[in-house]
Amino acid sequence: MAWYDFFTTVPEMERQGLRDLKKTIDGSFRDFSREFGESLENFFDPVLFFLVWLEKLLLATPWPIIILIVAGLAWLGSRSIWIVVGSILSFLAIAYLGMWEDTMSTLAIISVATTLCLVIGIPLGILMARSDRLQAMITPVLDIMQTIPAFVYLIPVVMLLGIGKVPGLISVCIYAIPPIVRLTNLGIRLVEKEALEAADAFGANYFQRLFGVQIPLALPNIFAGINQTIMMALSMVVIASMIGVAGLGVPVLRSISNQYLALGLMNGLAIVALAIIFDRVTQSYGARLQKHRHGENHG
C-alpha cells in the first residue's frame, strides 16, 4: 500500500467506525425509551400533579392576596421597604399589562424547580463535603451540566418523556441545580475547625454537629446557592417554553416567531422583574445571615 493510500483509507475506516458507534448509541437509546419511557412518566406523575395543583392555586387566588403574600415574603427576606414597594409595583404592572396568568405559571414552575433543586442539591452538597472522593466524582458532572448547551440535553429528555411540563421541569432542574450543590459543599467545607472541635468536645454526634454547627454556619453560602439556582431557573423559562411549559416564555417565543417587539419586551421585562425581586430578597437575607454569623464570631 502506498503512503497516500494509507492516509485516505484510514480516515475512511475511522468515519465508518464513528457512524457505527452513532447508530449503536441511537439504537440503544431508542430501545431504552421504548422500554422504560412509560415507567419514567409514571415516576414523575407526583411532581406533575403538584406542579399543576400549585399553578391552579396561584391562578385561582385573587391578585390582591398574591401581592400581599409577595410583599410579606419580600419584607421577611429583605427588611427593606424599598424592595417591598418595588415588588408590589412590579406585580401591579404585570397585572395591568395582562401578564398575570403567564406570571403565575412561571412562578409555579420556578417554585417547584427550586424546591426540587434544594431537596436534591443540599444533601448532595453535604455528601460532597464529607467525602473528597465523591467531590472528585461529582464535580466534573456539575461542570458538564453548567457548560453543555441547554438544547443538547433537551433532546434526550423530550425523547424519553415527550412534550409537556415534566420535561421542561427536568430541563430547568438540570440547568439550575449545580450552584446549590457547589455552594453547599463549599459552605460546609469553610466551617472553622475550631467550631467542629468545640462540638466534638461537647460530645456531639455527626448529625448534631451537622445540623447544630455546620449547616447554620454555612447558611450564607447556601443562600447564595439558592439565589443562583433561582436566577438560572428563571433564565431557562424561555427555552423550557419550547417544549410545552406555560409561562412568560411562551409569549417571548411567539414574539420572536412573529416579530412582535412590544409583546417580547413586556414579557421579557416581567421575567427581569421577577429575577430582580428574587435576587434582592435572597441576597438581602444572605447578607443578614452573614452579619449575624460575624456578630456571633466576634462575640
C-alpha atoms as a PDB file:
ATOM      1  CA  MET A   1       0.000   0.000   0.000  1.00  0.00           C
ATOM      2  CA  ALA A   2       1.368   3.421  -0.987  1.00  0.00           C
ATOM      3  CA  TRP A   3       1.637   6.112   1.647  1.00  0.00           C
ATOM      4  CA  TYR A   4      -1.131   8.188   0.064  1.00  0.00           C
ATOM      5  CA  ASP A   5      -3.454   5.137   0.026  1.00  0.00           C
ATOM      6  CA  PHE A   6      -2.830   4.700   3.751  1.00  0.00           C
ATOM      7  CA  PHE A   7      -3.793   8.313   4.536  1.00  0.00           C
ATOM      8  CA  THR A   8      -7.029   8.015   2.537  1.00  0.00           C
ATOM      9  CA  THR A   9      -8.057   4.535   3.748  1.00  0.00           C
ATOM     10  CA  VAL A  10      -7.526   5.035   7.499  1.00  0.00           C
ATOM     11  CA  PRO A  11      -9.735   8.156   7.818  1.00  0.00           C
ATOM     12  CA  GLU A  12     -12.482   6.335   5.871  1.00  0.00           C
ATOM     13  CA  MET A  13     -12.256   3.409   8.301  1.00  0.00           C
ATOM     14  CA  GLU A  14     -12.452   5.837  11.233  1.00  0.00           C
ATOM     15  CA  ARG A  15     -15.505   7.548   9.750  1.00  0.00           C
ATOM     16  CA  GLN A  16     -17.227   4.202   9.256  1.00  0.00           C
ATOM     17  CA  GLY A  17     -16.439   3.225  12.855  1.00  0.00           C
ATOM     18  CA  LEU A  18     -17.836   6.551  14.070  1.00  0.00           C
ATOM     19  CA  ARG A  19     -21.017   6.038  12.035  1.00  0.00           C
ATOM     20  CA  ASP A  20     -21.435   2.570  13.521  1.00  0.00           C
ATOM     21  CA  LEU A  21     -20.923   3.970  17.033  1.00  0.00           C
ATOM     22  CA  LYS A  22     -23.559   6.662  16.450  1.00  0.00           C
ATOM     23  CA  LYS A  23     -26.035   4.056  15.165  1.00  0.00           C
ATOM     24  CA  THR A  24     -25.378   1.895  18.224  1.00  0.00           C
ATOM     25  CA  ILE A  25     -25.941   4.793  20.614  1.00  0.00           C
ATOM     26  CA  ASP A  26     -29.123   5.896  18.814  1.00  0.00           C
ATOM     27  CA  GLY A  27     -30.492   2.358  18.734  1.00  0.00           C
ATOM     28  CA  SER A  28     -29.719   1.713  22.400  1.00  0.00           C
ATOM     29  CA  PHE A  29     -31.360   4.957  23.497  1.00  0.00           C
ATOM     30  CA  ARG A  30     -34.394   4.254  21.298  1.00  0.00           C
ATOM     31  CA  ASP A  31     -34.793   0.808  22.844  1.00  0.00           C
ATOM     32  CA  PHE A  32     -34.369   2.246  26.343  1.00  0.00           C
ATOM     33  CA  SER A  33     -37.007   4.924  25.762  1.00  0.00           C
ATOM     34  CA  ARG A  34     -39.467   2.371  24.395  1.00  0.00           C
ATOM     35  CA  GLU A  35     -38.955   0.014  27.314  1.00  0.00           C
ATOM     36  CA  PHE A  36     -38.734   2.459  30.219  1.00  0.00           C
ATOM     37  CA  GLY A  37     -40.358   5.657  28.895  1.00  0.00           C
ATOM     38  CA  GLU A  38     -43.782   4.882  30.362  1.00  0.00           C
ATOM     39  CA  SER A  39     -42.282   3.884  33.720  1.00  0.00           C
ATOM     40  CA  LEU A  40     -40.363   7.177  33.870  1.00  0.00           C
ATOM     41  CA  GLU A  41     -43.544   9.120  33.106  1.00  0.00           C
ATOM     42  CA  ASN A  42     -45.337   7.300  35.936  1.00  0.00           C
ATOM     43  CA  PHE A  43     -42.411   8.040  38.258  1.00  0.00           C
ATOM     44  CA  PHE A  44     -42.771  11.784  37.658  1.00  0.00           C
ATOM     45  CA  ASP A  45     -46.573  11.808  37.992  1.00  0.00           C
ATOM     46  CA  PRO A  46     -46.488  13.111  41.623  1.00  0.00           C
ATOM     47  CA  VAL A  47     -44.275  16.017  40.543  1.00  0.00           C
ATOM     48  CA  LEU A  48     -46.631  16.781  37.648  1.00  0.00           C
ATOM     49  CA  PHE A  49     -49.652  16.618  39.985  1.00  0.00           C
ATOM     50  CA  PHE A  50     -48.015  19.049  42.437  1.00  0.00           C
ATOM     51  CA  LEU A  51     -46.974  21.435  39.653  1.00  0.00           C
ATOM     52  CA  VAL A  52     -50.475  21.500  38.145  1.00  0.00           C
ATOM     53  CA  TRP A  53     -52.046  21.915  41.605  1.00  0.00           C
ATOM     54  CA  LEU A  54     -49.756  24.838  42.502  1.00  0.00           C
ATOM     55  CA  GLU A  55     -50.358  26.529  39.146  1.00  0.00           C
ATOM     56  CA  LYS A  56     -54.146  26.233  39.539  1.00  0.00           C
ATOM     57  CA  LEU A  57     -53.894  27.514  43.118  1.00  0.00           C
ATOM     58  CA  LEU A  58     -51.933  30.596  42.060  1.00  0.00           C
ATOM     59  CA  LEU A  59     -54.302  31.279  39.185  1.00  0.00           C
ATOM     60  CA  ALA A  60     -57.381  30.862  41.391  1.00  0.00           C
ATOM     61  CA  THR A  61     -56.086  33.095  44.189  1.00  0.00           C
ATOM     62  CA  PRO A  62     -57.227  36.740  43.857  1.00  0.00           C
ATOM     63  CA  TRP A  63     -54.422  39.037  42.796  1.00  0.00           C
ATOM     64  CA  PRO A  64     -54.545  41.288  45.913  1.00  0.00           C
ATOM     65  CA  ILE A  65     -53.842  38.240  48.099  1.00  0.00           C
ATOM     66  CA  ILE A  66     -50.903  37.183  45.884  1.00  0.00           C
ATOM     67  CA  ILE A  67     -49.456  40.698  46.056  1.00  0.00           C
ATOM     68  CA  LEU A  68     -49.841  40.771  49.856  1.00  0.00           C
ATOM     69  CA  ILE A  69     -48.061  37.408  50.140  1.00  0.00           C
ATOM     70  CA  VAL A  70     -45.262  38.616  47.841  1.00  0.00           C
ATOM     71  CA  ALA A  71     -44.915  41.821  49.883  1.00  0.00           C
ATOM     72  CA  GLY A  72     -44.822  39.836  53.136  1.00  0.00           C
ATOM     73  CA  LEU A  73     -42.172  37.445  51.846  1.00  0.00           C
ATOM     74  CA  ALA A  74     -40.135  40.345  50.463  1.00  0.00           C
ATOM     75  CA  TRP A  75     -40.235  42.068  53.861  1.00  0.00           C
ATOM     76  CA  LEU A  76     -39.318  38.892  55.767  1.00  0.00           C
ATOM     77  CA  GLY A  77     -36.377  38.285  53.441  1.00  0.00           C
ATOM     78  CA  SER A  78     -35.021  41.779  52.930  1.00  0.00           C
ATOM     79  CA  ARG A  79     -36.429  44.005  55.730  1.00  0.00           C
ATOM     80  CA  SER A  80     -36.263  46.771  53.130  1.00  0.00           C
ATOM     81  CA  ILE A  81     -39.304  48.936  52.450  1.00  0.00           C
ATOM     82  CA  TRP A  82     -37.913  49.829  49.015  1.00  0.00           C
ATOM     83  CA  ILE A  83     -37.741  46.190  47.916  1.00  0.00           C
ATOM     84  CA  VAL A  84     -41.297  45.644  49.221  1.00  0.00           C
ATOM     85  CA  VAL A  85     -42.608  48.691  47.323  1.00  0.00           C
ATOM     86  CA  GLY A  86     -40.725  47.629  44.188  1.00  0.00           C
ATOM     87  CA  SER A  87     -42.191  44.123  44.400  1.00  0.00           C
ATOM     88  CA  ILE A  88     -45.735  45.482  44.792  1.00  0.00           C
ATOM     89  CA  LEU A  89     -45.345  47.920  41.888  1.00  0.00           C
ATOM     90  CA  SER A  90     -43.849  45.209  39.668  1.00  0.00           C
ATOM     91  CA  PHE A  91     -46.750  42.836  40.259  1.00  0.00           C
ATOM     92  CA  LEU A  92     -49.292  45.624  39.792  1.00  0.00           C
ATOM     93  CA  ALA A  93     -47.666  46.470  36.444  1.00  0.00           C
ATOM     94  CA  ILE A  94     -47.703  42.798  35.455  1.00  0.00           C
ATOM     95  CA  ALA A  95     -51.421  42.587  36.251  1.00  0.00           C
ATOM     96  CA  TYR A  96     -52.208  45.863  34.469  1.00  0.00           C
ATOM     97  CA  LEU A  97     -50.373  44.775  31.301  1.00  0.00           C
ATOM     98  CA  GLY A  98     -52.264  41.468  31.124  1.00  0.00           C
ATOM     99  CA  MET A  99     -49.393  39.136  32.004  1.00  0.00           C
ATOM    100  CA  TRP A 100     -50.771  37.859  35.316  1.00  0.00           C
ATOM    101  CA  GLU A 101     -51.658  34.300  34.245  1.00  0.00           C
ATOM    102  CA  ASP A 102     -48.338  33.716  32.491  1.00  0.00           C
ATOM    103  CA  THR A 103     -46.504  35.125  35.526  1.00  0.00           C
ATOM    104  CA  MET A 104     -48.354  32.757  37.876  1.00  0.00           C
ATOM    105  CA  SER A 105     -47.461  29.796  35.622  1.00  0.00           C
ATOM    106  CA  THR A 106     -43.825  30.917  35.675  1.00  0.00           C
ATOM    107  CA  LEU A 107     -43.890  31.286  39.469  1.00  0.00           C
ATOM    108  CA  ALA A 108     -45.320  27.768  39.774  1.00  0.00           C
ATOM    109  CA  ILE A 109     -42.615  26.078  37.718  1.00  0.00           C
ATOM    110  CA  ILE A 110     -39.829  28.171  39.292  1.00  0.00           C
ATOM    111  CA  SER A 111     -41.096  27.313  42.787  1.00  0.00           C
ATOM    112  CA  VAL A 112     -41.319  23.579  42.064  1.00  0.00           C
ATOM    113  CA  ALA A 113     -37.972  23.517  40.226  1.00  0.00           C
ATOM    114  CA  THR A 114     -36.229  25.399  43.044  1.00  0.00           C
ATOM    115  CA  THR A 115     -37.757  23.081  45.647  1.00  0.00           C
ATOM    116  CA  LEU A 116     -36.566  20.007  43.746  1.00  0.00           C
ATOM    117  CA  CYS A 117     -33.092  21.512  43.338  1.00  0.00           C
ATOM    118  CA  LEU A 118     -32.876  22.176  47.081  1.00  0.00           C
ATOM    119  CA  VAL A 119     -34.196  18.744  48.060  1.00  0.00           C
ATOM    120  CA  ILE A 120     -31.629  17.052  45.822  1.00  0.00           C
ATOM    121  CA  GLY A 121     -28.798  19.601  45.828  1.00  0.00           C
ATOM    122  CA  ILE A 122     -28.335  20.351  49.533  1.00  0.00           C
ATOM    123  CA  PRO A 123     -27.979  16.681  50.617  1.00  0.00           C
ATOM    124  CA  LEU A 124     -25.666  16.095  47.651  1.00  0.00           C
ATOM    125  CA  GLY A 125     -23.537  19.079  48.662  1.00  0.00           C
ATOM    126  CA  ILE A 126     -23.382  17.754  52.232  1.00  0.00           C
ATOM    127  CA  LEU A 127     -22.218  14.360  50.977  1.00  0.00           C
ATOM    128  CA  MET A 128     -19.590  16.024  48.778  1.00  0.00           C
ATOM    129  CA  ALA A 129     -18.284  17.982  51.760  1.00  0.00           C
ATOM    130  CA  ARG A 130     -17.969  14.730  53.683  1.00  0.00           C
ATOM    131  CA  SER A 131     -16.027  12.834  51.002  1.00  0.00           C
ATOM    132  CA  ASP A 132     -13.187  14.134  48.790  1.00  0.00           C
ATOM    133  CA  ARG A 133     -13.597  11.127  46.504  1.00  0.00           C
ATOM    134  CA  LEU A 134     -17.298  11.870  45.957  1.00  0.00           C
ATOM    135  CA  GLN A 135     -16.454  15.510  45.308  1.00  0.00           C
ATOM    136  CA  ALA A 136     -13.923  14.486  42.671  1.00  0.00           C
ATOM    137  CA  MET A 137     -16.558  12.299  41.003  1.00  0.00           C
ATOM    138  CA  ILE A 138     -19.448  14.791  41.072  1.00  0.00           C
ATOM    139  CA  THR A 139     -17.560  17.991  40.192  1.00  0.00           C
ATOM    140  CA  PRO A 140     -16.980  17.014  36.500  1.00  0.00           C
ATOM    141  CA  VAL A 141     -20.686  16.138  36.210  1.00  0.00           C
ATOM    142  CA  LEU A 142     -21.609  19.573  37.555  1.00  0.00           C
ATOM    143  CA  ASP A 143     -19.155  21.152  35.107  1.00  0.00           C
ATOM    144  CA  ILE A 144     -20.856  19.361  32.216  1.00  0.00           C
ATOM    145  CA  MET A 145     -24.335  20.340  33.449  1.00  0.00           C
ATOM    146  CA  GLN A 146     -23.303  24.004  33.593  1.00  0.00           C
ATOM    147  CA  THR A 147     -21.425  24.202  30.298  1.00  0.00           C
ATOM    148  CA  ILE A 148     -23.405  21.963  27.931  1.00  0.00           C
ATOM    149  CA  PRO A 149     -25.934  23.957  25.844  1.00  0.00           C
ATOM    150  CA  ALA A 150     -29.477  23.592  27.137  1.00  0.00           C
ATOM    151  CA  PHE A 151     -30.746  22.455  23.739  1.00  0.00           C
ATOM    152  CA  VAL A 152     -28.449  19.424  23.877  1.00  0.00           C
ATOM    153  CA  TYR A 153     -29.958  17.861  26.994  1.00  0.00           C
ATOM    154  CA  LEU A 154     -33.460  18.848  25.875  1.00  0.00           C
ATOM    155  CA  ILE A 155     -33.129  16.168  23.186  1.00  0.00           C
ATOM    156  CA  PRO A 156     -32.911  13.046  25.412  1.00  0.00           C
ATOM    157  CA  VAL A 157     -35.447  14.455  27.893  1.00  0.00           C
ATOM    158  CA  VAL A 158     -38.001  15.090  25.145  1.00  0.00           C
ATOM    159  CA  MET A 159     -37.292  11.701  23.538  1.00  0.00           C
ATOM    160  CA  LEU A 160     -37.946   9.972  26.875  1.00  0.00           C
ATOM    161  CA  LEU A 161     -40.896  11.982  28.175  1.00  0.00           C
ATOM    162  CA  GLY A 162     -42.290  13.833  25.168  1.00  0.00           C
ATOM    163  CA  ILE A 163     -43.529  17.420  25.174  1.00  0.00           C
ATOM    164  CA  GLY A 164     -45.023  18.858  28.348  1.00  0.00           C
ATOM    165  CA  LYS A 165     -44.498  20.309  31.793  1.00  0.00           C
ATOM    166  CA  VAL A 166     -42.399  17.488  33.267  1.00  0.00           C
ATOM    167  CA  PRO A 167     -39.681  17.515  30.555  1.00  0.00           C
ATOM    168  CA  GLY A 168     -39.463  21.288  30.924  1.00  0.00           C
ATOM    169  CA  LEU A 169     -39.221  20.999  34.701  1.00  0.00           C
ATOM    170  CA  ILE A 170     -36.456  18.397  34.447  1.00  0.00           C
ATOM    171  CA  SER A 171     -34.540  20.579  31.996  1.00  0.00           C
ATOM    172  CA  VAL A 172     -34.814  23.567  34.340  1.00  0.00           C
ATOM    173  CA  CYS A 173     -33.576  21.459  37.267  1.00  0.00           C
ATOM    174  CA  ILE A 174     -30.607  20.082  35.308  1.00  0.00           C
ATOM    175  CA  TYR A 175     -29.536  23.611  34.433  1.00  0.00           C
ATOM    176  CA  ALA A 176     -30.226  25.180  37.843  1.00  0.00           C
ATOM    177  CA  ILE A 177     -29.024  22.574  40.365  1.00  0.00           C
ATOM    178  CA  PRO A 178     -25.194  22.933  40.134  1.00  0.00           C
ATOM    179  CA  PRO A 179     -24.906  26.218  42.122  1.00  0.00           C
ATOM    180  CA  ILE A 180     -26.722  24.926  45.197  1.00  0.00           C
ATOM    181  CA  VAL A 181     -24.632  21.734  45.183  1.00  0.00           C
ATOM    182  CA  ARG A 182     -21.346  23.606  44.806  1.00  0.00           C
ATOM    183  CA  LEU A 183     -22.063  26.314  47.377  1.00  0.00           C
ATOM    184  CA  THR A 184     -23.474  23.902  49.956  1.00  0.00           C
ATOM    185  CA  ASN A 185     -20.292  21.848  49.629  1.00  0.00           C
ATOM    186  CA  LEU A 186     -18.148  24.996  49.831  1.00  0.00           C
ATOM    187  CA  GLY A 187     -20.030  26.428  52.810  1.00  0.00           C
ATOM    188  CA  ILE A 188     -19.688  23.282  54.894  1.00  0.00           C
ATOM    189  CA  ARG A 189     -16.007  22.899  53.999  1.00  0.00           C
ATOM    190  CA  LEU A 190     -15.360  26.516  55.093  1.00  0.00           C
ATOM    191  CA  VAL A 191     -16.681  25.961  58.608  1.00  0.00           C
ATOM    192  CA  GLU A 192     -13.817  26.626  61.042  1.00  0.00           C
ATOM    193  CA  LYS A 193     -12.134  23.598  62.574  1.00  0.00           C
ATOM    194  CA  GLU A 194     -12.339  25.247  65.997  1.00  0.00           C
ATOM    195  CA  ALA A 195     -16.141  25.160  65.860  1.00  0.00           C
ATOM    196  CA  LEU A 196     -16.098  21.465  64.945  1.00  0.00           C
ATOM    197  CA  GLU A 197     -13.598  20.706  67.684  1.00  0.00           C
ATOM    198  CA  ALA A 198     -15.792  22.510  70.211  1.00  0.00           C
ATOM    199  CA  ALA A 199     -18.797  20.444  69.099  1.00  0.00           C
ATOM    200  CA  ASP A 200     -16.760  17.246  69.450  1.00  0.00           C
ATOM    201  CA  ALA A 201     -15.621  18.332  72.914  1.00  0.00           C
ATOM    202  CA  PHE A 202     -19.269  18.598  73.980  1.00  0.00           C
ATOM    203  CA  GLY A 203     -19.872  15.037  72.750  1.00  0.00           C
ATOM    204  CA  ALA A 204     -21.914  15.900  69.652  1.00  0.00           C
ATOM    205  CA  ASN A 205     -22.510  13.075  67.194  1.00  0.00           C
ATOM    206  CA  TYR A 206     -22.348  13.523  63.402  1.00  0.00           C
ATOM    207  CA  PHE A 207     -25.932  14.724  62.938  1.00  0.00           C
ATOM    208  CA  GLN A 208     -25.786  17.078  65.929  1.00  0.00           C
ATOM    209  CA  ARG A 209     -22.590  18.559  64.556  1.00  0.00           C
ATOM    210  CA  LEU A 210     -24.072  18.811  61.040  1.00  0.00           C
ATOM    211  CA  PHE A 211     -27.407  20.425  61.950  1.00  0.00           C
ATOM    212  CA  GLY A 212     -26.211  22.332  65.004  1.00  0.00           C
ATOM    213  CA  VAL A 213     -22.895  23.710  63.757  1.00  0.00           C
ATOM    214  CA  GLN A 214     -22.026  23.121  60.092  1.00  0.00           C
ATOM    215  CA  ILE A 215     -25.314  23.973  58.350  1.00  0.00           C
ATOM    216  CA  PRO A 216     -26.026  27.090  60.475  1.00  0.00           C
ATOM    217  CA  LEU A 217     -22.525  28.429  59.807  1.00  0.00           C
ATOM    218  CA  ALA A 218     -22.797  27.530  56.106  1.00  0.00           C
ATOM    219  CA  LEU A 219     -26.193  29.225  55.646  1.00  0.00           C
ATOM    220  CA  PRO A 220     -24.803  32.382  53.943  1.00  0.00           C
ATOM    221  CA  ASN A 221     -23.170  30.212  51.260  1.00  0.00           C
ATOM    222  CA  ILE A 222     -26.256  28.020  50.979  1.00  0.00           C
ATOM    223  CA  PHE A 223     -28.464  31.078  50.437  1.00  0.00           C
ATOM    224  CA  ALA A 224     -26.046  32.333  47.803  1.00  0.00           C
ATOM    225  CA  GLY A 225     -26.559  28.961  46.101  1.00  0.00           C
ATOM    226  CA  ILE A 226     -30.340  29.338  46.384  1.00  0.00           C
ATOM    227  CA  ASN A 227     -30.064  32.785  44.821  1.00  0.00           C
ATOM    228  CA  GLN A 228     -28.067  31.460  41.853  1.00  0.00           C
ATOM    229  CA  THR A 229     -30.371  28.463  41.452  1.00  0.00           C
ATOM    230  CA  ILE A 230     -33.434  30.722  41.194  1.00  0.00           C
ATOM    231  CA  MET A 231     -31.658  33.011  38.708  1.00  0.00           C
ATOM    232  CA  MET A 232     -30.645  30.090  36.491  1.00  0.00           C
ATOM    233  CA  ALA A 233     -34.137  28.598  36.669  1.00  0.00           C
ATOM    234  CA  LEU A 234     -35.612  31.901  35.522  1.00  0.00           C
ATOM    235  CA  SER A 235     -33.114  32.083  32.681  1.00  0.00           C
ATOM    236  CA  MET A 236     -34.444  28.733  31.410  1.00  0.00           C
ATOM    237  CA  VAL A 237     -38.065  29.926  31.194  1.00  0.00           C
ATOM    238  CA  VAL A 238     -37.922  30.855  27.506  1.00  0.00           C
ATOM    239  CA  ILE A 239     -36.104  27.673  26.461  1.00  0.00           C
ATOM    240  CA  ALA A 240     -38.474  25.485  28.513  1.00  0.00           C
ATOM    241  CA  SER A 241     -41.435  27.109  26.725  1.00  0.00           C
ATOM    242  CA  MET A 242     -40.223  25.423  23.519  1.00  0.00           C
ATOM    243  CA  ILE A 243     -41.210  22.030  24.923  1.00  0.00           C
ATOM    244  CA  GLY A 244     -44.626  22.897  26.277  1.00  0.00           C
ATOM    245  CA  VAL A 245     -44.040  24.754  29.561  1.00  0.00           C
ATOM    246  CA  ALA A 246     -46.604  27.513  30.101  1.00  0.00           C
ATOM    247  CA  GLY A 247     -45.470  30.864  31.388  1.00  0.00           C
ATOM    248  CA  LEU A 248     -43.818  34.094  30.355  1.00  0.00           C
ATOM    249  CA  GLY A 249     -41.517  32.269  27.953  1.00  0.00           C
ATOM    250  CA  VAL A 250     -44.390  31.367  25.603  1.00  0.00           C
ATOM    251  CA  PRO A 251     -45.216  34.978  24.590  1.00  0.00           C
ATOM    252  CA  VAL A 252     -41.494  35.721  24.249  1.00  0.00           C
ATOM    253  CA  LEU A 253     -41.123  32.758  21.908  1.00  0.00           C
ATOM    254  CA  ARG A 254     -44.227  33.831  19.979  1.00  0.00           C
ATOM    255  CA  SER A 255     -42.899  37.357  19.667  1.00  0.00           C
ATOM    256  CA  ILE A 256     -39.644  36.039  18.192  1.00  0.00           C
ATOM    257  CA  SER A 257     -41.538  33.933  15.646  1.00  0.00           C
ATOM    258  CA  ASN A 258     -43.912  36.723  14.611  1.00  0.00           C
ATOM    259  CA  GLN A 259     -41.724  39.796  15.196  1.00  0.00           C
ATOM    260  CA  TYR A 260     -43.970  41.208  17.936  1.00  0.00           C
ATOM    261  CA  LEU A 261     -41.483  43.586  19.538  1.00  0.00           C
ATOM    262  CA  ALA A 262     -43.813  45.044  22.194  1.00  0.00           C
ATOM    263  CA  LEU A 263     -45.035  41.601  23.314  1.00  0.00           C
ATOM    264  CA  GLY A 264     -41.492  40.277  23.624  1.00  0.00           C
ATOM    265  CA  LEU A 265     -40.265  43.339  25.513  1.00  0.00           C
ATOM    266  CA  MET A 266     -43.142  43.346  28.014  1.00  0.00           C
ATOM    267  CA  ASN A 267     -42.860  39.653  28.878  1.00  0.00           C
ATOM    268  CA  GLY A 268     -39.071  39.822  28.891  1.00  0.00           C
ATOM    269  CA  LEU A 269     -39.227  42.733  31.345  1.00  0.00           C
ATOM    270  CA  ALA A 270     -41.659  40.727  33.506  1.00  0.00           C
ATOM    271  CA  ILE A 271     -39.053  37.941  33.710  1.00  0.00           C
ATOM    272  CA  VAL A 272     -36.415  40.547  34.583  1.00  0.00           C
ATOM    273  CA  ALA A 273     -38.679  41.985  37.307  1.00  0.00           C
ATOM    274  CA  LEU A 274     -39.139  38.537  38.872  1.00  0.00           C
ATOM    275  CA  ALA A 275     -35.396  37.930  38.696  1.00  0.00           C
ATOM    276  CA  ILE A 276     -34.611  41.261  40.392  1.00  0.00           C
ATOM    277  CA  ILE A 277     -37.155  40.637  43.174  1.00  0.00           C
ATOM    278  CA  PHE A 278     -35.845  37.132  43.887  1.00  0.00           C
ATOM    279  CA  ASP A 279     -32.254  38.312  43.655  1.00  0.00           C
ATOM    280  CA  ARG A 280     -32.648  41.276  46.020  1.00  0.00           C
ATOM    281  CA  VAL A 281     -34.665  39.347  48.603  1.00  0.00           C
ATOM    282  CA  THR A 282     -32.349  36.326  48.747  1.00  0.00           C
ATOM    283  CA  GLN A 283     -29.207  38.476  48.662  1.00  0.00           C
ATOM    284  CA  SER A 284     -30.506  40.665  51.488  1.00  0.00           C
ATOM    285  CA  TYR A 285     -31.382  37.635  53.573  1.00  0.00           C
ATOM    286  CA  GLY A 286     -27.972  36.085  52.918  1.00  0.00           C
ATOM    287  CA  ALA A 287     -26.251  39.353  53.881  1.00  0.00           C
ATOM    288  CA  ARG A 288     -28.207  39.450  57.145  1.00  0.00           C
ATOM    289  CA  LEU A 289     -27.160  35.880  57.887  1.00  0.00           C
ATOM    290  CA  GLN A 290     -23.550  36.820  57.165  1.00  0.00           C
ATOM    291  CA  LYS A 291     -23.727  39.792  59.572  1.00  0.00           C
ATOM    292  CA  HIS A 292     -25.323  37.590  62.227  1.00  0.00           C
ATOM    293  CA  ARG A 293     -22.593  34.995  61.774  1.00  0.00           C
ATOM    294  CA  HIS A 294     -19.817  37.583  62.074  1.00  0.00           C
ATOM    295  CA  GLY A 295     -21.541  39.067  65.111  1.00  0.00           C
ATOM    296  CA  GLU A 296     -21.552  35.660  66.791  1.00  0.00           C
ATOM    297  CA  ASN A 297     -17.894  35.105  65.909  1.00  0.00           C
ATOM    298  CA  HIS A 298     -16.849  38.470  67.357  1.00  0.00           C
ATOM    299  CA  GLY A 299     -18.991  37.871  70.401  1.00  0.00           C
END
